[in-house]
């Protein structure tokens, strides 16, 4: 089961940033971080494999991209 929990660093919740877990294992993060006009406002990245990351327009697209990347790198996440 996929879950989204607020990302906490040094005891502080990071605004606009969520850790995505499959079961009880963190697999990546999504965050809302608008950079500039014409760029997607949501970023996603796998916890393992910094080369697997991207920027998309919506939270739903960030979750879908993260799930797809995780399933490709880990058979049990399917």
C-alpha atoms as a PDB file:
ATOM      1  CA  UNK A   1       0.000   0.000   0.000  1.00  0.00           C
ATOM      2  CA  UNK A   2       1.257   3.460  -0.910  1.00  0.00           C
ATOM      3  CA  UNK A   3       1.178   6.177   1.763  1.00  0.00           C
ATOM      4  CA  UNK A   4       2.230   9.806   1.948  1.00  0.00           C
ATOM      5  CA  UNK A   5       3.581  11.285   5.181  1.00  0.00           C
ATOM      6  CA  UNK A   6       5.023  14.739   5.886  1.00  0.00           C
ATOM      7  CA  UNK A   7       8.808  14.816   5.554  1.00  0.00           C
ATOM      8  CA  UNK A   8      10.529  15.558   8.867  1.00  0.00           C
ATOM      9  CA  UNK A   9      14.166  16.669   9.083  1.00  0.00           C
ATOM     10  CA  UNK A  10      15.819  17.348  12.445  1.00  0.00           C
ATOM     11  CA  UNK A  11      12.424  17.214  14.137  1.00  0.00           C
ATOM     12  CA  UNK A  12      10.894  19.845  11.842  1.00  0.00           C
ATOM     13  CA  UNK A  13       8.204  19.220   9.232  1.00  0.00           C
ATOM     14  CA  UNK A  14       9.231  20.529   5.818  1.00  0.00           C
ATOM     15  CA  UNK A  15       6.402  22.528   4.270  1.00  0.00           C
ATOM     16  CA  UNK A  16       5.259  21.198   0.898  1.00  0.00           C
ATOM     17  CA  UNK A  17       7.386  18.031   1.109  1.00  0.00           C
ATOM     18  CA  UNK A  18       6.140  14.454   1.577  1.00  0.00           C
ATOM     19  CA  UNK A  19       7.863  11.112   1.956  1.00  0.00           C
ATOM     20  CA  UNK A  20       6.192   8.380  -0.083  1.00  0.00           C
ATOM     21  CA  UNK A  21       6.208   4.884   1.393  1.00  0.00           C
ATOM     22  CA  UNK A  22       5.309   1.488  -0.020  1.00  0.00           C
ATOM     23  CA  UNK A  23       4.232  -0.592   2.944  1.00  0.00           C
ATOM     24  CA  UNK A  24       6.507   0.638   5.725  1.00  0.00           C
ATOM     25  CA  UNK A  25       9.496   1.334   3.433  1.00  0.00           C
ATOM     26  CA  UNK A  26      10.230   4.897   2.218  1.00  0.00           C
ATOM     27  CA  UNK A  27      10.739   4.847  -1.549  1.00  0.00           C
ATOM     28  CA  UNK A  28      10.837   8.524  -2.483  1.00  0.00           C
ATOM     29  CA  UNK A  29       9.713  12.074  -1.960  1.00  0.00           C
ATOM     30  CA  UNK A  30       7.444  14.548  -3.691  1.00  0.00           C
ATOM     31  CA  UNK A  31       7.490  18.268  -3.057  1.00  0.00           C
ATOM     32  CA  UNK A  32       5.756  21.419  -4.173  1.00  0.00           C
ATOM     33  CA  UNK A  33       8.405  23.854  -5.297  1.00  0.00           C
ATOM     34  CA  UNK A  34       7.437  26.262  -8.066  1.00  0.00           C
ATOM     35  CA  UNK A  35      10.654  27.433  -9.723  1.00  0.00           C
ATOM     36  CA  UNK A  36       9.735  29.568 -12.703  1.00  0.00           C
ATOM     37  CA  UNK A  37       6.889  30.111 -15.151  1.00  0.00           C
ATOM     38  CA  UNK A  38       6.671  27.274 -17.658  1.00  0.00           C
ATOM     39  CA  UNK A  39       8.117  24.635 -15.304  1.00  0.00           C
ATOM     40  CA  UNK A  40       6.153  22.025 -13.406  1.00  0.00           C
ATOM     41  CA  UNK A  41       5.661  22.956  -9.763  1.00  0.00           C
ATOM     42  CA  UNK A  42       5.931  19.411  -8.349  1.00  0.00           C
ATOM     43  CA  UNK A  43       9.180  17.465  -8.078  1.00  0.00           C
ATOM     44  CA  UNK A  44       9.597  13.771  -7.376  1.00  0.00           C
ATOM     45  CA  UNK A  45      12.634  11.604  -6.661  1.00  0.00           C
ATOM     46  CA  UNK A  46      13.311   8.035  -5.618  1.00  0.00           C
ATOM     47  CA  UNK A  47      15.137   7.637  -2.317  1.00  0.00           C
ATOM     48  CA  UNK A  48      17.609   5.274  -3.973  1.00  0.00           C
ATOM     49  CA  UNK A  49      18.824   6.421  -7.380  1.00  0.00           C
ATOM     50  CA  UNK A  50      19.078  10.186  -7.691  1.00  0.00           C
ATOM     51  CA  UNK A  51      18.996   9.773 -11.478  1.00  0.00           C
ATOM     52  CA  UNK A  52      15.323   8.827 -11.131  1.00  0.00           C
ATOM     53  CA  UNK A  53      13.644  12.161 -10.539  1.00  0.00           C
ATOM     54  CA  UNK A  54      11.598  14.719 -12.387  1.00  0.00           C
ATOM     55  CA  UNK A  55       9.369  17.767 -12.409  1.00  0.00           C
ATOM     56  CA  UNK A  56       5.662  17.648 -13.294  1.00  0.00           C
ATOM     57  CA  UNK A  57       2.612  19.924 -13.177  1.00  0.00           C
ATOM     58  CA  UNK A  58       0.410  18.211 -10.571  1.00  0.00           C
ATOM     59  CA  UNK A  59       0.654  16.270  -7.321  1.00  0.00           C
ATOM     60  CA  UNK A  60      -1.139  13.345  -8.973  1.00  0.00           C
ATOM     61  CA  UNK A  61       1.436  13.263 -11.776  1.00  0.00           C
ATOM     62  CA  UNK A  62       4.269  13.349  -9.217  1.00  0.00           C
ATOM     63  CA  UNK A  63       2.784  10.363  -7.363  1.00  0.00           C
ATOM     64  CA  UNK A  64       2.203   8.455 -10.611  1.00  0.00           C
ATOM     65  CA  UNK A  65       5.753   9.123 -11.825  1.00  0.00           C
ATOM     66  CA  UNK A  66       7.238   8.059  -8.501  1.00  0.00           C
ATOM     67  CA  UNK A  67       5.167   4.859  -8.442  1.00  0.00           C
ATOM     68  CA  UNK A  68       6.137   4.011 -12.010  1.00  0.00           C
ATOM     69  CA  UNK A  69       9.834   4.596 -11.293  1.00  0.00           C
ATOM     70  CA  UNK A  70       9.665   2.562  -8.071  1.00  0.00           C
ATOM     71  CA  UNK A  71       7.938  -0.352  -9.794  1.00  0.00           C
ATOM     72  CA  UNK A  72      10.631  -0.374 -12.444  1.00  0.00           C
ATOM     73  CA  UNK A  73      13.405  -0.514  -9.846  1.00  0.00           C
ATOM     74  CA  UNK A  74      11.774  -2.874  -7.341  1.00  0.00           C
ATOM     75  CA  UNK A  75       9.607  -5.870  -8.330  1.00  0.00           C
ATOM     76  CA  UNK A  76       7.847  -6.060  -4.942  1.00  0.00           C
ATOM     77  CA  UNK A  77       6.525  -2.484  -5.334  1.00  0.00           C
ATOM     78  CA  UNK A  78       4.317  -3.580  -8.221  1.00  0.00           C
END
